[in-house]
C-alpha atoms as a PDB file:
ATOM      1  CA  UNK A   1      80.803 106.154  92.581  1.00  0.00           C
ATOM      2  CA  UNK A   2      82.279 106.331  96.083  1.00  0.00           C
ATOM      3  CA  UNK A   3      79.652 106.745  98.796  1.00  0.00           C
ATOM      4  CA  UNK A   4      80.216 108.085 102.313  1.00  0.00           C
ATOM      5  CA  UNK A   5      77.349 108.004 104.809  1.00  0.00           C
ATOM      6  CA  UNK A   6      76.842 109.884 108.026  1.00  0.00           C
ATOM      7  CA  UNK A   7      76.214 106.504 109.670  1.00  0.00           C
ATOM      8  CA  UNK A   8      79.652 105.217 108.621  1.00  0.00           C
ATOM      9  CA  UNK A   9      81.327 108.311 110.087  1.00  0.00           C
ATOM     10  CA  UNK A  10      79.451 107.979 113.350  1.00  0.00           C
ATOM     11  CA  UNK A  11      80.020 104.239 113.726  1.00  0.00           C
ATOM     12  CA  UNK A  12      83.738 104.680 113.031  1.00  0.00           C
ATOM     13  CA  UNK A  13      83.900 107.185 115.901  1.00  0.00           C
ATOM     14  CA  UNK A  14      85.160 109.943 113.627  1.00  0.00           C
ATOM     15  CA  UNK A  15      83.451 112.560 115.844  1.00  0.00           C
ATOM     16  CA  UNK A  16      85.336 111.621 119.038  1.00  0.00           C
ATOM     17  CA  UNK A  17      88.097 114.073 119.893  1.00  0.00           C
ATOM     18  CA  UNK A  18      90.512 114.149 122.823  1.00  0.00           C
ATOM     19  CA  UNK A  19      89.931 115.197 126.403  1.00  0.00           C
ATOM     20  CA  UNK A  20      89.085 118.875 126.701  1.00  0.00           C
ATOM     21  CA  UNK A  21      92.305 119.584 128.600  1.00  0.00           C
ATOM     22  CA  UNK A  22      94.379 118.244 125.678  1.00  0.00           C
ATOM     23  CA  UNK A  23      92.867 120.346 122.930  1.00  0.00           C
ATOM     24  CA  UNK A  24      94.607 122.774 120.605  1.00  0.00           C
ATOM     25  CA  UNK A  25      92.658 126.095 120.587  1.00  0.00           C
ATOM     26  CA  UNK A  26      93.312 126.419 116.861  1.00  0.00           C
ATOM     27  CA  UNK A  27      90.897 123.494 116.343  1.00  0.00           C
ATOM     28  CA  UNK A  28      88.021 125.477 117.892  1.00  0.00           C
ATOM     29  CA  UNK A  29      86.279 126.085 114.549  1.00  0.00           C
ATOM     30  CA  UNK A  30      86.013 122.331 113.951  1.00  0.00           C
ATOM     31  CA  UNK A  31      84.592 121.430 117.383  1.00  0.00           C
ATOM     32  CA  UNK A  32      80.843 120.876 117.707  1.00  0.00           C
ATOM     33  CA  UNK A  33      80.521 120.530 121.481  1.00  0.00           C
ATOM     34  CA  UNK A  34      81.905 118.878 124.608  1.00  0.00           C
ATOM     35  CA  UNK A  35      80.572 115.755 126.267  1.00  0.00           C
ATOM     36  CA  UNK A  36      81.814 113.983 129.388  1.00  0.00           C
ATOM     37  CA  UNK A  37      85.063 115.941 129.204  1.00  0.00           C
ATOM     38  CA  UNK A  38      85.618 114.932 125.553  1.00  0.00           C
ATOM     39  CA  UNK A  39      85.475 117.268 122.568  1.00  0.00           C
ATOM     40  CA  UNK A  40      83.024 116.263 119.829  1.00  0.00           C
ATOM     41  CA  UNK A  41      84.056 117.117 116.249  1.00  0.00           C
ATOM     42  CA  UNK A  42      81.582 118.832 113.906  1.00  0.00           C
ATOM     43  CA  UNK A  43      80.862 116.163 111.267  1.00  0.00           C
ATOM     44  CA  UNK A  44      79.261 118.679 108.919  1.00  0.00           C
ATOM     45  CA  UNK A  45      82.681 120.302 108.550  1.00  0.00           C
ATOM     46  CA  UNK A  46      84.331 116.884 108.294  1.00  0.00           C
ATOM     47  CA  UNK A  47      82.053 116.004 105.386  1.00  0.00           C
ATOM     48  CA  UNK A  48      82.892 119.222 103.549  1.00  0.00           C
ATOM     49  CA  UNK A  49      86.616 118.625 104.130  1.00  0.00           C
ATOM     50  CA  UNK A  50      86.278 115.067 102.777  1.00  0.00           C
ATOM     51  CA  UNK A  51      84.647 116.425  99.619  1.00  0.00           C
ATOM     52  CA  UNK A  52      87.462 118.949  99.096  1.00  0.00           C
ATOM     53  CA  UNK A  53      90.195 116.378  99.723  1.00  0.00           C
ATOM     54  CA  UNK A  54      88.508 113.856  97.428  1.00  0.00           C
ATOM     55  CA  UNK A  55      88.457 116.319  94.530  1.00  0.00           C
ATOM     56  CA  UNK A  56      92.084 117.330  95.106  1.00  0.00           C
ATOM     57  CA  UNK A  57      93.231 113.701  94.978  1.00  0.00           C
ATOM     58  CA  UNK A  58      91.173 113.010  91.856  1.00  0.00           C
ATOM     59  CA  UNK A  59      92.622 115.994  90.006  1.00  0.00           C
ATOM     60  CA  UNK A  60      96.171 115.209  91.167  1.00  0.00           C
ATOM     61  CA  UNK A  61      96.052 111.611  89.964  1.00  0.00           C
ATOM     62  CA  UNK A  62      94.269 112.571  86.732  1.00  0.00           C
ATOM     63  CA  UNK A  63      97.149 114.964  85.982  1.00  0.00           C
ATOM     64  CA  UNK A  64      99.612 112.074  86.188  1.00  0.00           C
ATOM     65  CA  UNK A  65     101.019 112.737  89.650  1.00  0.00           C
ATOM     66  CA  UNK A  66     101.145 110.294  92.566  1.00  0.00           C
ATOM     67  CA  UNK A  67      99.820 110.272  96.134  1.00  0.00           C
ATOM     68  CA  UNK A  68     102.032 109.419  99.096  1.00  0.00           C
ATOM     69  CA  UNK A  69     100.183 107.877 102.062  1.00  0.00           C
ATOM     70  CA  UNK A  70     101.928 108.524 105.397  1.00  0.00           C
ATOM     71  CA  UNK A  71     101.009 106.884 108.707  1.00  0.00           C
ATOM     72  CA  UNK A  72     103.672 105.443 110.988  1.00  0.00           C
ATOM     73  CA  UNK A  73     101.652 105.064 114.207  1.00  0.00           C
ATOM     74  CA  UNK A  74     100.708 101.458 114.940  1.00  0.00           C
ATOM     75  CA  UNK A  75      96.977 102.010 114.493  1.00  0.00           C
ATOM     76  CA  UNK A  76      97.517 103.404 110.985  1.00  0.00           C
ATOM     77  CA  UNK A  77     100.196 101.123 109.518  1.00  0.00           C
ATOM     78  CA  UNK A  78      97.988  98.292 108.308  1.00  0.00           C
ATOM     79  CA  UNK A  79      95.275 100.521 106.830  1.00  0.00           C
ATOM     80  CA  UNK A  80      97.786 102.799 105.099  1.00  0.00           C
ATOM     81  CA  UNK A  81      99.649  99.894 103.481  1.00  0.00           C
ATOM     82  CA  UNK A  82      96.495  98.024 102.490  1.00  0.00           C
ATOM     83  CA  UNK A  83      94.749 100.981 100.864  1.00  0.00           C
ATOM     84  CA  UNK A  84      97.893 102.385  99.217  1.00  0.00           C
ATOM     85  CA  UNK A  85      98.563  99.001  97.625  1.00  0.00           C
ATOM     86  CA  UNK A  86      94.902  98.714  96.587  1.00  0.00           C
ATOM     87  CA  UNK A  87      95.069 101.984  94.670  1.00  0.00           C
ATOM     88  CA  UNK A  88      98.682 101.351  93.544  1.00  0.00           C
ATOM     89  CA  UNK A  89     100.175 104.400  95.224  1.00  0.00           C
ATOM     90  CA  UNK A  90     103.157 104.897  97.532  1.00  0.00           C
ATOM     91  CA  UNK A  91     103.239 104.726 101.315  1.00  0.00           C
ATOM     92  CA  UNK A  92     105.405 105.144 104.422  1.00  0.00           C
ATOM     93  CA  UNK A  93     104.435 103.079 107.466  1.00  0.00           C
ATOM     94  CA  UNK A  94     107.627 102.305 109.400  1.00  0.00           C
ATOM     95  CA  UNK A  95     109.306 105.666 109.975  1.00  0.00           C
ATOM     96  CA  UNK A  96     109.740 108.881 108.085  1.00  0.00           C
ATOM     97  CA  UNK A  97     113.388 109.225 107.052  1.00  0.00           C
ATOM     98  CA  UNK A  98     114.546 112.811 107.374  1.00  0.00           C
ATOM     99  CA  UNK A  99     114.995 114.271 103.904  1.00  0.00           C
ATOM    100  CA  UNK A 100     112.751 111.724 102.208  1.00  0.00           C
ATOM    101  CA  UNK A 101     111.334 114.569 100.122  1.00  0.00           C
ATOM    102  CA  UNK A 102     113.805 117.443 100.486  1.00  0.00           C
ATOM    103  CA  UNK A 103     116.776 115.151  99.803  1.00  0.00           C
ATOM    104  CA  UNK A 104     115.008 112.766  97.461  1.00  0.00           C
ATOM    105  CA  UNK A 105     118.044 112.294  95.169  1.00  0.00           C
ATOM    106  CA  UNK A 106     119.945 110.627  98.024  1.00  0.00           C
ATOM    107  CA  UNK A 107     116.916 108.587  99.066  1.00  0.00           C
ATOM    108  CA  UNK A 108     116.590 107.445  95.463  1.00  0.00           C
ATOM    109  CA  UNK A 109     120.129 106.017  95.649  1.00  0.00           C
ATOM    110  CA  UNK A 110     119.095 103.968  98.689  1.00  0.00           C
ATOM    111  CA  UNK A 111     116.046 102.730  96.786  1.00  0.00           C
ATOM    112  CA  UNK A 112     118.268 101.676  93.873  1.00  0.00           C
ATOM    113  CA  UNK A 113     120.504  99.825  96.332  1.00  0.00           C
ATOM    114  CA  UNK A 114     117.458  98.032  97.765  1.00  0.00           C
ATOM    115  CA  UNK A 115     116.268  97.008  94.294  1.00  0.00           C
ATOM    116  CA  UNK A 116     119.749  95.705  93.487  1.00  0.00           C
ATOM    117  CA  UNK A 117     119.868  93.610  96.665  1.00  0.00           C
ATOM    118  CA  UNK A 118     116.451  92.171  95.838  1.00  0.00           C
ATOM    119  CA  UNK A 119     117.762  90.811  92.553  1.00  0.00           C
ATOM    120  CA  UNK A 120     121.146  89.671  93.864  1.00  0.00           C
ATOM    121  CA  UNK A 121     121.943  85.985  94.375  1.00  0.00           C
ATOM    122  CA  UNK A 122     123.580  85.471  97.771  1.00  0.00           C
ATOM    123  CA  UNK A 123     124.204  81.729  97.353  1.00  0.00           C
ATOM    124  CA  UNK A 124     127.766  82.154  96.014  1.00  0.00           C
ATOM    125  CA  UNK A 125     128.847  84.278  98.995  1.00  0.00           C
ATOM    126  CA  UNK A 126     130.159  83.228 102.378  1.00  0.00           C
ATOM    127  CA  UNK A 127     127.735  82.930 105.295  1.00  0.00           C
ATOM    128  CA  UNK A 128     129.119  86.087 106.860  1.00  0.00           C
ATOM    129  CA  UNK A 129     128.670  88.081 103.656  1.00  0.00           C
ATOM    130  CA  UNK A 130     125.185  86.659 103.194  1.00  0.00           C
ATOM    131  CA  UNK A 131     124.211  87.694 106.725  1.00  0.00           C
ATOM    132  CA  UNK A 132     125.537  91.227 106.233  1.00  0.00           C
ATOM    133  CA  UNK A 133     123.747  91.752 102.918  1.00  0.00           C
ATOM    134  CA  UNK A 134     120.526  90.180 104.198  1.00  0.00           C
ATOM    135  CA  UNK A 135     120.562  92.500 107.202  1.00  0.00           C
ATOM    136  CA  UNK A 136     121.122  95.516 104.930  1.00  0.00           C
ATOM    137  CA  UNK A 137     118.320  94.384 102.627  1.00  0.00           C
ATOM    138  CA  UNK A 138     115.859  93.929 105.512  1.00  0.00           C
ATOM    139  CA  UNK A 139     116.664  97.381 106.882  1.00  0.00           C
ATOM    140  CA  UNK A 140     116.148  99.024 103.490  1.00  0.00           C
ATOM    141  CA  UNK A 141     112.973  97.030 102.897  1.00  0.00           C
ATOM    142  CA  UNK A 142     111.521  98.113 106.219  1.00  0.00           C
ATOM    143  CA  UNK A 143     111.933 101.797 105.404  1.00  0.00           C
ATOM    144  CA  UNK A 144     111.708 101.943 101.618  1.00  0.00           C
ATOM    145  CA  UNK A 145     109.394  99.160 100.451  1.00  0.00           C
ATOM    146  CA  UNK A 146     106.406 101.486 100.133  1.00  0.00           C
ATOM    147  CA  UNK A 147     108.249 104.010  97.926  1.00  0.00           C
ATOM    148  CA  UNK A 148     110.321 101.541  95.876  1.00  0.00           C
ATOM    149  CA  UNK A 149     108.754 102.607  92.595  1.00  0.00           C
ATOM    150  CA  UNK A 150     108.643 106.334  93.316  1.00  0.00           C
ATOM    151  CA  UNK A 151     110.910 108.003  90.753  1.00  0.00           C
ATOM    152  CA  UNK A 152     109.798 111.580  91.393  1.00  0.00           C
ATOM    153  CA  UNK A 153     108.214 113.636  94.138  1.00  0.00           C
ATOM    154  CA  UNK A 154     104.517 112.946  94.841  1.00  0.00           C
ATOM    155  CA  UNK A 155     101.787 115.351  93.832  1.00  0.00           C
ATOM    156  CA  UNK A 156     100.091 115.283  97.231  1.00  0.00           C
ATOM    157  CA  UNK A 157     100.620 113.827 100.729  1.00  0.00           C
ATOM    158  CA  UNK A 158      97.890 112.138 102.750  1.00  0.00           C
ATOM    159  CA  UNK A 159      98.863 112.116 106.431  1.00  0.00           C
ATOM    160  CA  UNK A 160      97.458 110.487 109.549  1.00  0.00           C
ATOM    161  CA  UNK A 161      98.412 112.409 112.737  1.00  0.00           C
ATOM    162  CA  UNK A 162     100.221 115.642 111.882  1.00  0.00           C
ATOM    163  CA  UNK A 163     101.853 115.745 115.308  1.00  0.00           C
ATOM    164  CA  UNK A 164     103.668 112.452 114.774  1.00  0.00           C
ATOM    165  CA  UNK A 165     104.399 113.190 111.110  1.00  0.00           C
ATOM    166  CA  UNK A 166     105.525 116.782 111.677  1.00  0.00           C
ATOM    167  CA  UNK A 167     108.757 116.271 109.688  1.00  0.00           C
ATOM    168  CA  UNK A 168     106.873 114.914 106.675  1.00  0.00           C
ATOM    169  CA  UNK A 169     104.463 117.871 106.762  1.00  0.00           C
ATOM    170  CA  UNK A 170     107.363 120.350 107.079  1.00  0.00           C
ATOM    171  CA  UNK A 171     109.209 118.840 104.114  1.00  0.00           C
ATOM    172  CA  UNK A 172     106.092 118.884 101.935  1.00  0.00           C
ATOM    173  CA  UNK A 173     105.401 122.492 102.891  1.00  0.00           C
ATOM    174  CA  UNK A 174     108.972 123.485 102.031  1.00  0.00           C
ATOM    175  CA  UNK A 175     108.635 121.928  98.576  1.00  0.00           C
ATOM    176  CA  UNK A 176     105.134 123.252  97.955  1.00  0.00           C
ATOM    177  CA  UNK A 177     103.519 119.805  97.944  1.00  0.00           C
ATOM    178  CA  UNK A 178      99.857 119.967  99.089  1.00  0.00           C
ATOM    179  CA  UNK A 179      99.083 118.119 102.322  1.00  0.00           C
ATOM    180  CA  UNK A 180      95.795 116.391 103.115  1.00  0.00           C
ATOM    181  CA  UNK A 181      95.709 115.398 106.767  1.00  0.00           C
ATOM    182  CA  UNK A 182      93.334 114.048 109.377  1.00  0.00           C
ATOM    183  CA  UNK A 183      93.508 116.526 112.261  1.00  0.00           C
ATOM    184  CA  UNK A 184      92.297 115.605 115.720  1.00  0.00           C
ATOM    185  CA  UNK A 185      91.347 118.082 118.432  1.00  0.00           C
ATOM    186  CA  UNK A 186      94.926 118.079 119.778  1.00  0.00           C
ATOM    187  CA  UNK A 187      96.437 119.020 116.377  1.00  0.00           C
ATOM    188  CA  UNK A 188      97.285 122.319 114.741  1.00  0.00           C
ATOM    189  CA  UNK A 189      95.326 122.632 111.465  1.00  0.00           C
ATOM    190  CA  UNK A 190      97.251 125.736 110.397  1.00  0.00           C
ATOM    191  CA  UNK A 191      99.727 125.061 107.621  1.00  0.00           C
ATOM    192  CA  UNK A 192      97.750 122.031 106.410  1.00  0.00           C
ATOM    193  CA  UNK A 193      96.377 122.672 102.929  1.00  0.00           C
ATOM    194  CA  UNK A 194      93.360 120.365 103.315  1.00  0.00           C
ATOM    195  CA  UNK A 195      92.689 119.509 106.972  1.00  0.00           C
ATOM    196  CA  UNK A 196      90.040 116.858 107.644  1.00  0.00           C
ATOM    197  CA  UNK A 197      88.778 117.167 111.244  1.00  0.00           C
ATOM    198  CA  UNK A 198      88.385 113.701 112.713  1.00  0.00           C
ATOM    199  CA  UNK A 199      89.565 111.007 115.081  1.00  0.00           C
ATOM    200  CA  UNK A 200      93.149 110.076 114.149  1.00  0.00           C
ATOM    201  CA  UNK A 201      93.558 107.382 116.817  1.00  0.00           C
ATOM    202  CA  UNK A 202      90.792 104.800 116.331  1.00  0.00           C
ATOM    203  CA  UNK A 203      91.570 102.083 113.780  1.00  0.00           C
ATOM    204  CA  UNK A 204      88.049 102.240 112.289  1.00  0.00           C
ATOM    205  CA  UNK A 205      88.272 105.973 111.776  1.00  0.00           C
ATOM    206  CA  UNK A 206      91.732 105.800 110.197  1.00  0.00           C
ATOM    207  CA  UNK A 207      90.616 102.972 107.916  1.00  0.00           C
ATOM    208  CA  UNK A 208      87.560 104.917 106.763  1.00  0.00           C
ATOM    209  CA  UNK A 209      89.514 108.065 105.880  1.00  0.00           C
ATOM    210  CA  UNK A 210      92.210 106.043 104.102  1.00  0.00           C
ATOM    211  CA  UNK A 211      89.607 104.118 102.092  1.00  0.00           C
ATOM    212  CA  UNK A 212      88.031 107.379 100.951  1.00  0.00           C
ATOM    213  CA  UNK A 213      91.357 108.738  99.676  1.00  0.00           C
ATOM    214  CA  UNK A 214      92.186 105.416  97.995  1.00  0.00           C
ATOM    215  CA  UNK A 215      88.773 105.463  96.288  1.00  0.00           C
ATOM    216  CA  UNK A 216      89.502 108.966  95.030  1.00  0.00           C
ATOM    217  CA  UNK A 217      92.693 107.651  93.407  1.00  0.00           C
ATOM    218  CA  UNK A 218      90.878 104.720  91.803  1.00  0.00           C
ATOM    219  CA  UNK A 219      88.061 106.931  90.521  1.00  0.00           C
ATOM    220  CA  UNK A 220      90.318 109.735  89.323  1.00  0.00           C
ATOM    221  CA  UNK A 221      88.950 109.544  85.789  1.00  0.00           C
ATOM    222  CA  UNK A 222      85.336 109.226  86.913  1.00  0.00           C
ATOM    223  CA  UNK A 223      83.019 112.181  86.471  1.00  0.00           C
ATOM    224  CA  UNK A 224      80.556 111.115  89.153  1.00  0.00           C
ATOM    225  CA  UNK A 225      82.789 111.955  92.098  1.00  0.00           C
ATOM    226  CA  UNK A 226      81.850 111.421  95.730  1.00  0.00           C
ATOM    227  CA  UNK A 227      78.318 111.007  97.097  1.00  0.00           C
ATOM    228  CA  UNK A 228      77.618 111.959 100.709  1.00  0.00           C
ATOM    229  CA  UNK A 229      74.514 110.578 102.428  1.00  0.00           C
ATOM    230  CA  UNK A 230      73.827 112.721 105.476  1.00  0.00           C
ATOM    231  CA  UNK A 231      70.639 110.952 106.599  1.00  0.00           C
ATOM    232  CA  UNK A 232      70.538 107.853 108.788  1.00  0.00           C
ATOM    233  CA  UNK A 233      68.507 104.684 108.094  1.00  0.00           C
ATOM    234  CA  UNK A 234      65.054 104.358 109.639  1.00  0.00           C
ATOM    235  CA  UNK A 235      66.188 101.937 112.327  1.00  0.00           C
ATOM    236  CA  UNK A 236      68.972 104.195 113.589  1.00  0.00           C
ATOM    237  CA  UNK A 237      68.262 106.366 116.614  1.00  0.00           C
ATOM    238  CA  UNK A 238      70.106 108.867 118.699  1.00  0.00           C
ATOM    239  CA  UNK A 239      69.443 109.977 122.230  1.00  0.00           C
ATOM    240  CA  UNK A 240      66.457 112.281 122.406  1.00  0.00           C
ATOM    241  CA  UNK A 241      64.487 110.973 119.422  1.00  0.00           C
ATOM    242  CA  UNK A 242      64.361 108.934 116.251  1.00  0.00           C
ATOM    243  CA  UNK A 243      66.003 109.756 112.960  1.00  0.00           C
ATOM    244  CA  UNK A 244      63.615 109.552 110.007  1.00  0.00           C
ATOM    245  CA  UNK A 245      64.743 107.870 106.805  1.00  0.00           C
ATOM    246  CA  UNK A 246      64.882 109.478 103.360  1.00  0.00           C
ATOM    247  CA  UNK A 247      65.315 112.965 104.770  1.00  0.00           C
ATOM    248  CA  UNK A 248      68.299 115.199 105.188  1.00  0.00           C
ATOM    249  CA  UNK A 249      68.660 115.706 108.906  1.00  0.00           C
ATOM    250  CA  UNK A 250      70.851 117.590 111.283  1.00  0.00           C
ATOM    251  CA  UNK A 251      72.654 114.871 113.225  1.00  0.00           C
ATOM    252  CA  UNK A 252      73.826 115.643 116.726  1.00  0.00           C
ATOM    253  CA  UNK A 253      77.071 113.656 117.022  1.00  0.00           C
ATOM    254  CA  UNK A 254      77.409 114.553 120.688  1.00  0.00           C
ATOM    255  CA  UNK A 255      74.415 112.348 121.487  1.00  0.00           C
ATOM    256  CA  UNK A 256      75.038 109.550 119.003  1.00  0.00           C
ATOM    257  CA  UNK A 257      76.018 106.238 120.579  1.00  0.00           C
ATOM    258  CA  UNK A 258      77.608 103.898 118.005  1.00  0.00           C
ATOM    259  CA  UNK A 259      76.545 100.285 118.307  1.00  0.00           C
ATOM    260  CA  UNK A 260      79.996  98.689 118.147  1.00  0.00           C
ATOM    261  CA  UNK A 261      82.618  96.998 120.309  1.00  0.00           C
ATOM    262  CA  UNK A 262      85.831  98.689 121.289  1.00  0.00           C
ATOM    263  CA  UNK A 263      88.833  97.807 119.189  1.00  0.00           C
ATOM    264  CA  UNK A 264      90.972  95.589 121.412  1.00  0.00           C
ATOM    265  CA  UNK A 265      93.901  95.758 119.012  1.00  0.00           C
ATOM    266  CA  UNK A 266      94.072  99.508 119.443  1.00  0.00           C
ATOM    267  CA  UNK A 267      93.759  99.306 123.214  1.00  0.00           C
ATOM    268  CA  UNK A 268      96.685  96.896 123.313  1.00  0.00           C
ATOM    269  CA  UNK A 269      98.916  99.442 121.604  1.00  0.00           C
ATOM    270  CA  UNK A 270     101.147 101.131 124.181  1.00  0.00           C
ATOM    271  CA  UNK A 271     101.124 104.379 122.185  1.00  0.00           C
ATOM    272  CA  UNK A 272      97.358 104.549 121.881  1.00  0.00           C
ATOM    273  CA  UNK A 273      95.568 107.560 123.321  1.00  0.00           C
ATOM    274  CA  UNK A 274      93.527 105.999 126.091  1.00  0.00           C
ATOM    275  CA  UNK A 275      91.262 109.019 126.422  1.00  0.00           C
ATOM    276  CA  UNK A 276      89.523 107.946 123.207  1.00  0.00           C
ATOM    277  CA  UNK A 277      88.003 104.974 125.023  1.00  0.00           C
ATOM    278  CA  UNK A 278      85.358 106.268 127.368  1.00  0.00           C
ATOM    279  CA  UNK A 279      81.819 105.396 128.296  1.00  0.00           C
ATOM    280  CA  UNK A 280      79.504 106.624 125.533  1.00  0.00           C
ATOM    281  CA  UNK A 281      76.198 105.553 127.030  1.00  0.00           C
END
């Protein structure tokens, strides 16, 4: 049984949104409060969205369809590839090729070409020919490695950052493929079949969401489903008082200070949203 705890959500910084000035008003229903100029996401709604998404993935995989993980931003690439490979599903981490879904027949030809180049022996060719074919192979591998075995359209898309992956979301919507997506406070949740309100910039947060979806794939045939623990351990505290163990409690994410170090790898990324790193104490 997959288990998700309130503590894991808090420590991953799932509740941290963007600066108030950068919000999308359509995310208002998912926002709990504002703190130090930063929107705080309502984790109670995040938990419910996780439950819904988990069941959708389970049913999709149980019916024989696949899940396509999509995350091309630098913070998401490693987690998306790792978890997609763990649950033996497909993924896109480099860039979304226009028409990857709506023009899948043509994309399939490129995949076949990539598979052919993988098996081809270049040793009998001239150095110039070898260099040309190797360059072509590397280019195809970069874009198509994650969907090499995909012979038909996926049953559902899991997307990190709907703003960056707008083309992927549009193609899925056009074809009637359900979309599960992590939506931050600067995103538009409308048009997303199963929006999961949460931080789509922090590596820990992205990894947590991706692990949950991968677990849903792995446990597709399980009848136990997902278990959510909304209470915090006895030794965990938040500003303003202690949290008691073994009780369901209303956690105030606006006052919770996660005991963790900032992710230096994410900070080093030029495309990272710097407003996610602010003083939480």
